[in-house]
């Protein structure tokens, strides 16, 4: 008897990082989400089909898949809801309103809108939004490869919301929270409130610069990152003065302890170490600095179940 592959709950997140592809399956449990498995393979152009086929062979059960876009494959911008239009028409209206702010043809672009919690004490005429746009053409060969490998792609996501999924699940009640990570090779700072993304900033600083042997260059990298963080937090306080920022979490990893110590001298909120166990059951193998390379995969797989 031929049986169709079993469908498992949760999400299987695909995260390309240079020449590596990291995949993680996270599913809801009674207490908190749990990492069922992680898998890593080569993502060199010549190996991609073989890698996807090997993944399907290792984990044949059907799981809804979500692919994480890399830096430069999308644009995230702040905007407002179009005036005098119903919500179901916002995407099409913003597609054309934002066309001059992107460097690709919006006619064949995917667009998604993220709600931003506003100031409840103000009568806001237009709802604040974050718009995500990405061209579809580069994604079509990828989708074809995944289908060929019998992998069920249902969603496309971005690093900003992957980190939001982690940060938003451990916020102090009623307050905002910031999360700083170098898990994707470069720095990324997000601020969330009520589980939603308020601010996202990419820090163009390689993770390796925080651990280089040259003392002067290492200290310069730490200074530069600290300045970027401080400016982002100051801007956040001006724009979102109605929200109180509780703390800044830093993801463990090489050089992060020295960076956190430096940040404590410059930012006005407590700087604490992010614990992946506060968000999900990651198992013993993904604790502390060992979780850093997998952070985006775990955060991506924490998206809401469909």
Protein backbone atom coordinates (compact mmCIF):
# COMPACT_ATOMS: atom_id res chain seq x y z
CA UNK A 1 0.00 0.00 0.00
CA UNK A 2 1.33 3.47 -0.88
CA UNK A 3 0.92 6.03 1.85
CA UNK A 4 1.36 9.78 1.44
CA UNK A 5 4.16 11.24 3.57
CA UNK A 6 3.07 12.16 7.09
CA UNK A 7 2.56 15.85 7.78
CA UNK A 8 4.18 17.11 10.98
CA UNK A 9 3.22 20.29 12.88
CA UNK A 10 5.37 23.38 13.02
CA UNK A 11 7.71 24.92 10.46
CA UNK A 12 10.91 23.82 8.74
CA UNK A 13 13.05 26.94 8.23
CA UNK A 14 15.66 27.19 5.46
CA UNK A 15 18.40 29.76 6.09
CA UNK A 16 21.19 30.18 3.49
CA UNK A 17 24.34 31.69 5.00
CA UNK A 18 27.14 32.02 2.46
CA UNK A 19 28.15 28.52 1.37
CA UNK A 20 26.06 26.84 4.09
CA UNK A 21 22.37 26.03 4.36
CA UNK A 22 20.98 25.65 7.87
CA UNK A 23 17.58 24.04 8.37
CA UNK A 24 15.64 23.74 11.61
CA UNK A 25 12.27 22.19 12.45
CA UNK A 26 10.46 23.79 15.38
CA UNK A 27 7.01 22.67 16.48
CA UNK A 28 4.60 23.75 19.21
CA UNK A 29 4.46 21.69 22.39
CA UNK A 30 2.30 21.80 25.50
CA UNK A 31 4.62 24.15 27.37
CA UNK A 32 6.76 25.93 24.78
CA UNK A 33 7.96 25.32 21.21
CA UNK A 34 10.62 22.62 20.80
CA UNK A 35 13.41 22.13 18.28
CA UNK A 36 12.75 18.71 16.72
CA UNK A 37 15.93 18.66 14.63
CA UNK A 38 18.54 20.78 12.88
CA UNK A 39 20.40 19.98 9.67
CA UNK A 40 23.24 21.62 7.77
CA UNK A 41 24.48 21.20 4.19
CA UNK A 42 26.51 22.87 1.47
CA UNK A 43 24.89 25.75 -0.40
CA UNK A 44 27.53 26.17 -3.07
CA UNK A 45 25.77 26.61 -6.45
CA UNK A 46 26.95 23.22 -7.73
CA UNK A 47 25.70 21.43 -4.60
CA UNK A 48 22.27 22.96 -4.08
CA UNK A 49 20.09 20.31 -5.73
CA UNK A 50 22.05 17.51 -4.08
CA UNK A 51 21.78 19.22 -0.70
CA UNK A 52 18.00 19.57 -0.92
CA UNK A 53 17.63 15.94 -2.00
CA UNK A 54 19.84 14.81 0.90
CA UNK A 55 17.69 16.83 3.32
CA UNK A 56 14.51 15.22 2.06
CA UNK A 57 16.08 11.78 2.40
CA UNK A 58 17.19 12.51 5.98
CA UNK A 59 13.81 14.05 6.99
CA UNK A 60 11.11 12.71 4.65
CA UNK A 61 8.10 13.70 6.79
CA UNK A 62 6.17 16.58 5.27
CA UNK A 63 6.65 19.84 7.17
CA UNK A 64 5.57 23.30 6.04
CA UNK A 65 8.72 25.07 4.85
CA UNK A 66 9.67 28.73 5.08
CA UNK A 67 12.65 30.22 3.25
CA UNK A 68 14.63 33.12 4.75
CA UNK A 69 15.79 35.80 2.33
CA UNK A 70 19.36 37.04 2.58
CA UNK A 71 20.54 40.62 2.96
CA UNK A 72 20.11 42.49 -0.29
CA UNK A 73 17.26 40.29 -1.52
CA UNK A 74 14.52 42.49 -0.08
CA UNK A 75 13.80 45.99 1.15
CA UNK A 76 12.09 46.94 4.40
CA UNK A 77 10.72 50.44 4.76
CA UNK A 78 8.53 52.45 7.09
CA UNK A 79 5.28 53.74 5.65
CA UNK A 80 1.64 54.43 6.50
CA UNK A 81 -1.64 52.86 5.52
CA UNK A 82 -3.11 54.45 2.38
CA UNK A 83 -5.80 56.97 3.16
CA UNK A 84 -9.45 56.17 2.47
CA UNK A 85 -8.86 52.60 1.29
CA UNK A 86 -10.05 49.30 2.81
CA UNK A 87 -7.32 47.09 4.28
CA UNK A 88 -7.57 44.50 1.48
CA UNK A 89 -6.44 47.15 -1.03
CA UNK A 90 -3.44 48.45 0.91
CA UNK A 91 -0.88 46.15 -0.70
CA UNK A 92 -1.68 47.12 -4.27
CA UNK A 93 -1.82 50.80 -3.39
CA UNK A 94 1.52 50.76 -1.56
CA UNK A 95 3.14 48.72 -4.33
CA UNK A 96 2.89 51.77 -6.59
CA UNK A 97 3.41 54.40 -3.91
CA UNK A 98 6.78 52.85 -3.02
CA UNK A 99 7.97 52.07 -6.56
CA UNK A 100 10.50 54.92 -6.63
CA UNK A 101 12.13 53.72 -3.37
CA UNK A 102 13.18 50.29 -4.66
CA UNK A 103 15.66 49.29 -7.36
CA UNK A 104 13.51 46.61 -9.01
CA UNK A 105 10.22 46.43 -10.90
CA UNK A 106 7.35 46.47 -8.40
CA UNK A 107 4.98 44.98 -10.97
CA UNK A 108 6.56 41.56 -10.39
CA UNK A 109 7.40 42.00 -6.71
CA UNK A 110 6.03 40.28 -3.64
CA UNK A 111 4.89 42.71 -0.95
CA UNK A 112 3.87 42.15 2.64
CA UNK A 113 2.79 44.60 5.33
CA UNK A 114 3.64 44.44 9.03
CA UNK A 115 1.55 46.28 11.60
CA UNK A 116 3.40 48.58 13.99
CA UNK A 117 1.87 49.23 17.44
CA UNK A 118 1.03 52.94 17.58
CA UNK A 119 0.54 55.42 20.39
CA UNK A 120 -2.87 54.64 21.84
CA UNK A 121 -3.05 58.10 23.43
CA UNK A 122 -2.93 59.81 20.03
CA UNK A 123 -5.67 59.88 17.46
CA UNK A 124 -3.58 58.59 14.55
CA UNK A 125 -5.16 59.27 11.20
CA UNK A 126 -3.17 56.61 9.36
CA UNK A 127 -1.89 53.30 10.69
CA UNK A 128 1.92 52.98 10.77
CA UNK A 129 3.25 50.02 8.78
CA UNK A 130 6.45 48.30 7.73
CA UNK A 131 6.45 47.27 4.07
CA UNK A 132 8.57 44.37 2.80
CA UNK A 133 9.20 44.12 -0.94
CA UNK A 134 11.21 41.53 -2.85
CA UNK A 135 11.42 40.73 -6.59
CA UNK A 136 9.85 37.41 -7.55
CA UNK A 137 12.09 36.53 -10.51
CA UNK A 138 15.16 35.41 -8.48
CA UNK A 139 12.93 33.22 -6.32
CA UNK A 140 11.41 31.14 -9.13
CA UNK A 141 14.44 28.83 -9.70
CA UNK A 142 14.64 28.29 -5.94
CA UNK A 143 10.97 27.35 -5.70
CA UNK A 144 11.42 24.93 -8.60
CA UNK A 145 14.38 23.24 -6.87
CA UNK A 146 12.43 22.85 -3.64
CA UNK A 147 9.46 21.34 -5.48
CA UNK A 148 11.80 18.98 -7.32
CA UNK A 149 13.15 17.82 -3.93
CA UNK A 150 9.54 17.37 -2.68
CA UNK A 151 9.91 20.09 -0.07
CA UNK A 152 6.71 21.99 0.72
CA UNK A 153 7.51 25.72 0.60
CA UNK A 154 4.63 27.76 1.99
CA UNK A 155 6.22 31.06 3.01
CA UNK A 156 9.09 33.48 2.49
CA UNK A 157 10.46 35.41 5.47
CA UNK A 158 13.18 37.94 6.35
CA UNK A 159 15.81 38.12 9.13
CA UNK A 160 14.07 41.12 10.72
CA UNK A 161 10.96 39.10 11.54
CA UNK A 162 12.95 35.99 12.45
CA UNK A 163 14.65 37.99 15.21
CA UNK A 164 11.30 39.58 16.11
CA UNK A 165 9.89 36.11 16.73
CA UNK A 166 12.62 35.51 19.32
CA UNK A 167 12.67 38.94 20.94
CA UNK A 168 8.90 39.33 21.09
CA UNK A 169 8.44 36.07 23.00
CA UNK A 170 10.46 37.17 26.03
CA UNK A 171 9.49 40.82 26.42
CA UNK A 172 8.80 42.17 29.91
CA UNK A 173 5.04 42.78 30.08
CA UNK A 174 3.98 46.17 28.79
CA UNK A 175 7.46 47.26 27.72
CA UNK A 176 9.63 47.13 24.61
CA UNK A 177 12.82 45.12 24.25
CA UNK A 178 15.89 45.19 21.98
CA UNK A 179 17.86 42.21 20.68
CA UNK A 180 21.36 42.45 19.16
CA UNK A 181 22.73 39.50 17.19
CA UNK A 182 25.71 38.68 15.02
CA UNK A 183 24.42 35.20 14.28
CA UNK A 184 23.99 35.88 10.55
CA UNK A 185 27.56 37.04 9.98
CA UNK A 186 26.73 40.73 10.41
CA UNK A 187 25.12 42.70 13.19
CA UNK A 188 21.36 43.07 13.43
CA UNK A 189 19.40 45.01 16.04
CA UNK A 190 15.63 44.73 16.42
CA UNK A 191 13.25 46.34 18.90
CA UNK A 192 9.86 44.79 19.58
CA UNK A 193 6.76 45.75 21.55
CA UNK A 194 3.64 43.66 22.07
CA UNK A 195 5.35 40.98 20.01
CA UNK A 196 5.53 43.23 16.94
CA UNK A 197 8.54 44.73 15.18
CA UNK A 198 9.02 48.44 15.84
CA UNK A 199 12.58 49.01 14.66
CA UNK A 200 15.12 46.99 12.69
CA UNK A 201 18.67 48.01 11.86
CA UNK A 202 21.36 46.07 10.05
CA UNK A 203 24.87 46.82 11.28
CA UNK A 204 27.37 46.48 8.44
CA UNK A 205 30.11 45.00 10.55
CA UNK A 206 31.40 41.43 10.05
CA UNK A 207 31.16 39.24 13.13
CA UNK A 208 34.85 38.38 12.76
CA UNK A 209 35.82 42.01 13.40
CA UNK A 210 34.81 41.59 17.06
CA UNK A 211 37.45 38.88 17.59
CA UNK A 212 40.37 39.87 15.35
CA UNK A 213 43.86 39.70 16.85
CA UNK A 214 44.75 43.33 16.21
CA UNK A 215 43.72 45.11 19.42
CA UNK A 216 43.23 48.50 17.78
CA UNK A 217 41.01 47.14 15.00
CA UNK A 218 39.00 45.00 17.40
CA UNK A 219 38.39 47.94 19.72
CA UNK A 220 37.47 50.14 16.75
CA UNK A 221 34.88 47.55 15.65
CA UNK A 222 33.41 47.42 19.16
CA UNK A 223 33.30 51.23 19.29
CA UNK A 224 31.59 51.41 15.90
CA UNK A 225 28.98 48.80 16.80
CA UNK A 226 28.30 50.48 20.15
CA UNK A 227 27.78 53.82 18.41
CA UNK A 228 25.34 52.25 15.92
CA UNK A 229 23.38 50.66 18.76
CA UNK A 230 23.34 53.86 20.81
CA UNK A 231 22.10 55.92 17.84
CA UNK A 232 19.37 53.38 17.10
CA UNK A 233 18.16 53.37 20.70
CA UNK A 234 18.21 57.18 20.84
CA UNK A 235 16.20 57.36 17.60
CA UNK A 236 13.76 54.79 18.95
CA UNK A 237 13.16 56.89 22.08
CA UNK A 238 12.41 59.97 19.97
CA UNK A 239 10.06 58.23 17.54
CA UNK A 240 8.37 55.94 20.08
CA UNK A 241 8.42 58.13 23.18
CA UNK A 242 5.21 56.48 24.39
CA UNK A 243 7.01 53.12 24.76
CA UNK A 244 9.43 52.28 27.57
CA UNK A 245 12.46 50.20 26.54
CA UNK A 246 13.13 47.62 29.25
CA UNK A 247 16.49 46.16 28.21
CA UNK A 248 18.93 45.25 25.47
CA UNK A 249 19.63 41.55 24.98
CA UNK A 250 22.87 40.41 23.32
CA UNK A 251 23.17 36.98 21.74
CA UNK A 252 26.16 34.97 23.05
CA UNK A 253 28.97 34.39 20.58
CA UNK A 254 32.61 35.17 19.84
CA UNK A 255 33.44 38.70 20.95
CA UNK A 256 29.97 39.40 22.29
CA UNK A 257 30.99 39.50 25.97
CA UNK A 258 33.43 42.36 25.30
CA UNK A 259 30.84 44.16 23.18
CA UNK A 260 28.19 43.81 25.90
CA UNK A 261 30.60 45.15 28.53
CA UNK A 262 31.32 48.15 26.30
CA UNK A 263 27.62 48.77 25.63
CA UNK A 264 26.87 48.91 29.36
CA UNK A 265 28.95 52.09 29.53
CA UNK A 266 26.93 53.88 26.84
CA UNK A 267 23.28 52.80 26.81
CA UNK A 268 20.73 53.81 29.40
CA UNK A 269 19.03 50.42 29.72
CA UNK A 270 20.28 47.16 31.25
CA UNK A 271 22.33 44.99 28.88
CA UNK A 272 21.69 41.28 29.44
CA UNK A 273 22.61 38.02 27.72
CA UNK A 274 19.88 36.43 25.60
CA UNK A 275 18.98 32.89 26.67
CA UNK A 276 17.45 30.78 23.90
CA UNK A 277 15.84 28.66 26.63
CA UNK A 278 13.61 31.59 27.55
CA UNK A 279 11.88 31.22 24.17
CA UNK A 280 11.95 27.54 23.23
CA UNK A 281 13.28 24.12 24.18
CA UNK A 282 16.43 23.95 22.06
CA UNK A 283 18.07 20.96 23.74
CA UNK A 284 21.54 20.74 25.22
CA UNK A 285 23.37 21.11 21.89
CA UNK A 286 22.02 24.61 21.23
CA UNK A 287 22.88 26.51 24.39
CA UNK A 288 24.87 29.71 24.81
CA UNK A 289 27.22 30.57 21.95
CA UNK A 290 26.38 27.29 20.17
CA UNK A 291 22.92 28.69 19.39
CA UNK A 292 24.24 31.82 17.63
CA UNK A 293 24.74 30.29 14.14
CA UNK A 294 21.25 28.78 14.36
CA UNK A 295 19.47 31.84 15.70
CA UNK A 296 17.92 32.93 12.40
CA UNK A 297 16.78 29.39 11.59
CA UNK A 298 15.16 28.98 15.01
CA UNK A 299 13.52 32.39 14.86
CA UNK A 300 12.21 31.78 11.35
CA UNK A 301 10.72 28.44 12.39
CA UNK A 302 8.88 30.18 15.25
CA UNK A 303 6.42 31.87 12.90
CA UNK A 304 2.76 31.29 13.64
CA UNK A 305 1.33 27.96 12.62
CA UNK A 306 -0.99 27.98 9.60
